[in-house]
């Protein structure tokens, strides 16, 4: 075990390999094309292939071929084994050494939880998620959304879909994630990224160690064609997020420990996005 962990830590000791590992951790449970990884980290494809091979040999990453593409994902079993060794074996379960590193496994308390949905523009997908969760379970969750690079206004197709579904859009606005950091920011219990680009971006760790999830999906704003074709893309995005939000609100949050809750959040992120509401 010690040699295996030593090999893993040696592999992660390279600055670009650790950057690749962190990116794949942020994208978990996604399977990400090698080209996207190379472009996001500004690494030559040949060099990226070398780094991915090293992470595979260490057991940290899996590879799957889909058509002509090679897709990569974190091998969470190995990662968990590494953390167990570092925090349980090396720290000997001493709370004074490890508690600040690990939030523990106790169930979350019975309270009203605060949720933040993030995408790049905060004009469609994160706005859908914010509105859906607030309207479906506003008594249990305080909900916000924000963008890493928000636009000046909400997308009109997104607003129209929400109005057609009977949602009140009067209070919605595009916001920047900067509003949710600093001493005046709300304490967050859950943070979800709903687009791959936002998940790819390097962001500081959130205060309070909220449970995080990546529910990536295609951006309807990028769809071209007729207004009917664009509207359909927004309808599909709304439907996909509605299914995920419904699954999230069905979770017994108060009775699940953090590990079980994180696993459930990841499972929701694996659900398909192909049908409409």
Protein backbone atom coordinates (compact mmCIF):
# COMPACT_ATOMS: atom_id res chain seq x y z
CA UNK A 1 0.00 0.00 0.00
CA UNK A 2 2.73 2.49 0.96
CA UNK A 3 4.57 2.01 -2.34
CA UNK A 4 1.35 2.43 -4.33
CA UNK A 5 0.51 5.65 -2.48
CA UNK A 6 4.09 6.83 -2.89
CA UNK A 7 3.84 6.26 -6.66
CA UNK A 8 0.55 8.20 -6.78
CA UNK A 9 2.00 11.13 -4.86
CA UNK A 10 5.08 11.13 -7.10
CA UNK A 11 2.82 11.29 -10.15
CA UNK A 12 0.87 14.19 -8.66
CA UNK A 13 4.09 15.98 -7.75
CA UNK A 14 4.36 17.49 -11.25
CA UNK A 15 2.61 20.91 -11.49
CA UNK A 16 0.82 20.21 -14.78
CA UNK A 17 -0.20 16.68 -13.80
CA UNK A 18 -1.72 17.96 -10.55
CA UNK A 19 -3.51 20.68 -12.55
CA UNK A 20 -4.92 17.97 -14.83
CA UNK A 21 -5.96 15.87 -11.83
CA UNK A 22 -7.71 18.86 -10.24
CA UNK A 23 -9.54 19.65 -13.48
CA UNK A 24 -10.83 16.09 -13.79
CA UNK A 25 -11.87 16.18 -10.13
CA UNK A 26 -13.91 19.32 -10.80
CA UNK A 27 -15.51 17.64 -13.80
CA UNK A 28 -16.29 14.38 -11.96
CA UNK A 29 -18.33 12.33 -12.83
CA UNK A 30 -17.94 13.55 -16.44
CA UNK A 31 -15.83 11.75 -19.03
CA UNK A 32 -13.86 14.49 -20.75
CA UNK A 33 -12.25 14.39 -24.23
CA UNK A 34 -8.47 14.68 -24.26
CA UNK A 35 -8.69 17.61 -26.67
CA UNK A 36 -10.85 19.60 -24.28
CA UNK A 37 -8.42 18.92 -21.44
CA UNK A 38 -5.48 20.07 -23.56
CA UNK A 39 -7.29 23.22 -24.69
CA UNK A 40 -8.49 24.14 -21.17
CA UNK A 41 -5.02 23.76 -19.64
CA UNK A 42 -3.19 25.14 -22.73
CA UNK A 43 -1.06 22.01 -23.04
CA UNK A 44 0.10 20.48 -26.34
CA UNK A 45 -1.92 17.36 -27.26
CA UNK A 46 1.19 15.17 -27.31
CA UNK A 47 2.22 16.40 -23.85
CA UNK A 48 -1.33 15.94 -22.57
CA UNK A 49 -1.26 12.34 -23.77
CA UNK A 50 1.91 11.77 -21.74
CA UNK A 51 0.35 13.25 -18.60
CA UNK A 52 -2.84 11.23 -19.01
CA UNK A 53 -0.84 8.05 -19.44
CA UNK A 54 1.01 8.78 -16.20
CA UNK A 55 -2.25 9.31 -14.32
CA UNK A 56 -3.60 6.08 -15.80
CA UNK A 57 -0.56 4.11 -14.69
CA UNK A 58 -1.06 5.48 -11.18
CA UNK A 59 -4.67 4.29 -11.27
CA UNK A 60 -6.06 7.82 -10.90
CA UNK A 61 -7.73 8.09 -14.31
CA UNK A 62 -9.73 5.79 -16.58
CA UNK A 63 -9.84 5.91 -20.37
CA UNK A 64 -12.76 5.03 -22.63
CA UNK A 65 -13.02 5.20 -26.41
CA UNK A 66 -16.30 6.51 -27.81
CA UNK A 67 -16.21 6.58 -31.59
CA UNK A 68 -13.01 8.39 -32.52
CA UNK A 69 -12.69 10.16 -29.17
CA UNK A 70 -10.80 9.12 -26.05
CA UNK A 71 -12.64 10.17 -22.89
CA UNK A 72 -11.04 10.42 -19.47
CA UNK A 73 -12.51 10.41 -15.97
CA UNK A 74 -11.32 10.21 -12.38
CA UNK A 75 -11.04 6.70 -10.91
CA UNK A 76 -12.64 7.62 -7.60
CA UNK A 77 -11.85 4.32 -5.89
CA UNK A 78 -8.13 5.03 -6.12
CA UNK A 79 -8.59 8.63 -5.02
CA UNK A 80 -10.59 7.55 -1.98
CA UNK A 81 -7.96 4.96 -1.11
CA UNK A 82 -5.28 7.65 -1.28
CA UNK A 83 -7.26 9.99 1.00
CA UNK A 84 -8.02 7.17 3.40
CA UNK A 85 -4.32 6.43 3.69
CA UNK A 86 -3.36 10.07 4.23
CA UNK A 87 -6.16 11.10 6.58
CA UNK A 88 -6.95 7.86 8.41
CA UNK A 89 -3.68 5.95 8.49
CA UNK A 90 -1.13 8.78 8.55
CA UNK A 91 -3.21 11.06 10.78
CA UNK A 92 -4.39 8.14 12.94
CA UNK A 93 -7.87 9.66 12.96
CA UNK A 94 -6.70 12.44 15.26
CA UNK A 95 -9.34 15.21 15.08
CA UNK A 96 -6.80 17.88 16.02
CA UNK A 97 -4.79 16.99 12.90
CA UNK A 98 -7.43 16.02 10.36
CA UNK A 99 -10.77 17.53 11.28
CA UNK A 100 -10.05 20.78 9.46
CA UNK A 101 -9.20 18.76 6.35
CA UNK A 102 -12.19 16.46 6.45
CA UNK A 103 -15.79 17.57 7.16
CA UNK A 104 -16.65 14.22 8.71
CA UNK A 105 -19.54 11.89 8.01
CA UNK A 106 -22.29 13.13 10.32
CA UNK A 107 -25.67 13.83 8.72
CA UNK A 108 -26.34 17.43 7.76
CA UNK A 109 -28.43 19.33 10.29
CA UNK A 110 -32.12 20.01 9.98
CA UNK A 111 -32.25 23.55 8.56
CA UNK A 112 -32.98 25.56 5.45
CA UNK A 113 -30.10 24.90 3.06
CA UNK A 114 -28.45 27.45 0.79
CA UNK A 115 -27.73 26.45 -2.82
CA UNK A 116 -25.74 28.23 -5.54
CA UNK A 117 -25.91 27.27 -9.24
CA UNK A 118 -23.04 28.46 -11.45
CA UNK A 119 -22.51 28.71 -15.21
CA UNK A 120 -20.51 31.13 -17.32
CA UNK A 121 -23.10 33.68 -18.42
CA UNK A 122 -25.84 33.23 -15.78
CA UNK A 123 -28.32 33.88 -18.57
CA UNK A 124 -30.05 30.50 -19.04
CA UNK A 125 -29.03 27.20 -17.42
CA UNK A 126 -28.19 28.47 -13.94
CA UNK A 127 -31.24 30.75 -14.08
CA UNK A 128 -33.41 27.73 -14.92
CA UNK A 129 -31.94 25.78 -11.99
CA UNK A 130 -32.37 28.68 -9.56
CA UNK A 131 -35.99 29.21 -10.56
CA UNK A 132 -36.90 25.53 -10.54
CA UNK A 133 -35.47 24.78 -7.11
CA UNK A 134 -36.99 27.92 -5.60
CA UNK A 135 -40.43 27.11 -6.99
CA UNK A 136 -40.28 23.38 -6.23
CA UNK A 137 -38.81 23.55 -2.73
CA UNK A 138 -38.37 27.17 -1.67
CA UNK A 139 -39.49 26.25 1.83
CA UNK A 140 -36.43 23.99 2.24
CA UNK A 141 -33.80 25.81 0.15
CA UNK A 142 -32.56 29.37 -0.25
CA UNK A 143 -31.43 29.49 -3.87
CA UNK A 144 -29.06 31.67 -5.86
CA UNK A 145 -27.38 31.54 -9.27
CA UNK A 146 -24.35 33.32 -10.68
CA UNK A 147 -21.96 33.36 -13.60
CA UNK A 148 -18.21 33.39 -13.89
CA UNK A 149 -18.56 35.90 -16.74
CA UNK A 150 -22.21 36.98 -16.66
CA UNK A 151 -23.87 38.83 -19.51
CA UNK A 152 -25.68 42.11 -18.98
CA UNK A 153 -29.13 40.59 -19.34
CA UNK A 154 -30.97 37.29 -19.24
CA UNK A 155 -31.43 35.38 -22.46
CA UNK A 156 -34.89 36.19 -23.87
CA UNK A 157 -35.54 32.59 -24.92
CA UNK A 158 -34.80 31.43 -21.37
CA UNK A 159 -37.10 34.05 -19.89
CA UNK A 160 -39.88 33.07 -22.29
CA UNK A 161 -39.57 29.38 -21.39
CA UNK A 162 -39.84 30.23 -17.69
CA UNK A 163 -42.89 32.42 -18.31
CA UNK A 164 -44.52 29.70 -20.45
CA UNK A 165 -43.99 27.25 -17.56
CA UNK A 166 -45.70 29.61 -15.14
CA UNK A 167 -42.64 30.90 -13.26
CA UNK A 168 -42.35 34.45 -11.94
CA UNK A 169 -39.29 36.03 -13.60
CA UNK A 170 -39.61 39.57 -12.22
CA UNK A 171 -36.81 39.23 -9.64
CA UNK A 172 -34.31 37.37 -11.83
CA UNK A 173 -31.05 39.05 -12.81
CA UNK A 174 -27.57 38.05 -14.01
CA UNK A 175 -25.02 37.99 -11.17
CA UNK A 176 -21.29 37.38 -10.77
CA UNK A 177 -19.86 34.72 -8.46
CA UNK A 178 -17.94 37.51 -6.72
CA UNK A 179 -21.21 38.36 -4.94
CA UNK A 180 -20.94 35.02 -3.12
CA UNK A 181 -17.48 35.42 -1.63
CA UNK A 182 -16.27 37.58 1.19
CA UNK A 183 -17.57 38.32 4.69
CA UNK A 184 -21.00 39.49 3.56
CA UNK A 185 -21.70 36.47 1.36
CA UNK A 186 -24.25 33.84 2.43
CA UNK A 187 -23.01 30.55 3.87
CA UNK A 188 -23.39 27.94 1.14
CA UNK A 189 -24.37 24.31 1.73
CA UNK A 190 -24.39 23.21 -1.94
CA UNK A 191 -22.61 24.57 -5.02
CA UNK A 192 -23.47 23.16 -8.46
CA UNK A 193 -21.85 23.93 -11.80
CA UNK A 194 -24.27 23.41 -14.69
CA UNK A 195 -21.86 24.01 -17.55
CA UNK A 196 -18.53 22.43 -18.38
CA UNK A 197 -16.75 25.72 -18.98
CA UNK A 198 -17.56 26.98 -15.48
CA UNK A 199 -16.39 23.68 -13.99
CA UNK A 200 -13.16 23.90 -16.00
CA UNK A 201 -12.26 27.27 -14.54
CA UNK A 202 -9.90 27.44 -11.60
CA UNK A 203 -11.82 28.89 -8.66
CA UNK A 204 -10.85 29.27 -5.01
CA UNK A 205 -12.31 26.76 -2.56
CA UNK A 206 -15.63 27.86 -1.09
CA UNK A 207 -15.74 28.84 2.56
CA UNK A 208 -17.42 26.28 4.79
CA UNK A 209 -16.73 23.31 2.48
CA UNK A 210 -20.17 23.10 0.82
CA UNK A 211 -21.08 19.92 -1.01
CA UNK A 212 -20.32 20.46 -4.69
CA UNK A 213 -21.67 18.82 -7.80
CA UNK A 214 -21.15 19.10 -11.53
CA UNK A 215 -24.32 18.83 -13.59
CA UNK A 216 -22.85 19.81 -16.94
CA UNK A 217 -25.05 20.13 -20.01
CA UNK A 218 -25.02 21.68 -23.47
CA UNK A 219 -25.45 25.44 -23.70
CA UNK A 220 -28.75 26.30 -25.45
CA UNK A 221 -27.46 29.83 -26.05
CA UNK A 222 -25.01 28.44 -28.60
CA UNK A 223 -27.70 26.76 -30.73
CA UNK A 224 -28.17 28.35 -34.16
CA UNK A 225 -31.02 28.10 -36.63
CA UNK A 226 -34.60 29.27 -36.59
CA UNK A 227 -36.31 30.70 -33.54
CA UNK A 228 -38.23 27.43 -33.24
CA UNK A 229 -34.99 25.43 -33.18
CA UNK A 230 -33.48 27.77 -30.58
CA UNK A 231 -36.63 27.59 -28.45
CA UNK A 232 -36.51 23.80 -28.56
CA UNK A 233 -32.93 23.82 -27.23
CA UNK A 234 -34.01 25.95 -24.28
CA UNK A 235 -37.00 23.68 -23.66
CA UNK A 236 -34.67 20.67 -23.57
CA UNK A 237 -32.28 22.38 -21.15
CA UNK A 238 -35.18 23.30 -18.89
CA UNK A 239 -36.50 19.73 -18.98
CA UNK A 240 -33.11 18.20 -18.18
CA UNK A 241 -32.58 20.53 -15.23
CA UNK A 242 -36.14 19.96 -13.99
CA UNK A 243 -35.49 16.22 -13.75
CA UNK A 244 -32.27 16.81 -11.84
CA UNK A 245 -33.84 19.34 -9.49
CA UNK A 246 -36.73 16.97 -8.80
CA UNK A 247 -34.25 14.19 -7.99
CA UNK A 248 -32.33 16.56 -5.71
CA UNK A 249 -35.44 17.68 -3.81
CA UNK A 250 -36.38 14.02 -3.29
CA UNK A 251 -33.16 13.36 -1.36
CA UNK A 252 -33.54 12.96 2.43
CA UNK A 253 -30.90 15.62 3.01
CA UNK A 254 -31.38 15.78 6.78
CA UNK A 255 -30.75 12.07 7.29
CA UNK A 256 -27.83 11.50 4.89
CA UNK A 257 -24.21 11.93 5.93
CA UNK A 258 -21.91 13.98 3.69
CA UNK A 259 -20.44 10.97 1.92
CA UNK A 260 -23.84 9.53 1.02
CA UNK A 261 -25.15 12.95 0.03
CA UNK A 262 -22.13 13.66 -2.18
CA UNK A 263 -22.58 10.28 -3.87
CA UNK A 264 -26.27 11.03 -4.50
CA UNK A 265 -25.42 14.44 -5.97
CA UNK A 266 -22.87 12.82 -8.30
CA UNK A 267 -25.43 10.21 -9.37
CA UNK A 268 -27.87 12.98 -10.31
CA UNK A 269 -25.11 14.53 -12.45
CA UNK A 270 -24.90 11.31 -14.45
CA UNK A 271 -28.56 11.43 -15.54
CA UNK A 272 -29.25 12.02 -19.24
CA UNK A 273 -30.26 15.30 -20.78
CA UNK A 274 -31.96 14.08 -23.92
CA UNK A 275 -35.67 14.51 -23.16
CA UNK A 276 -37.79 17.60 -22.67
CA UNK A 277 -40.11 18.64 -19.87
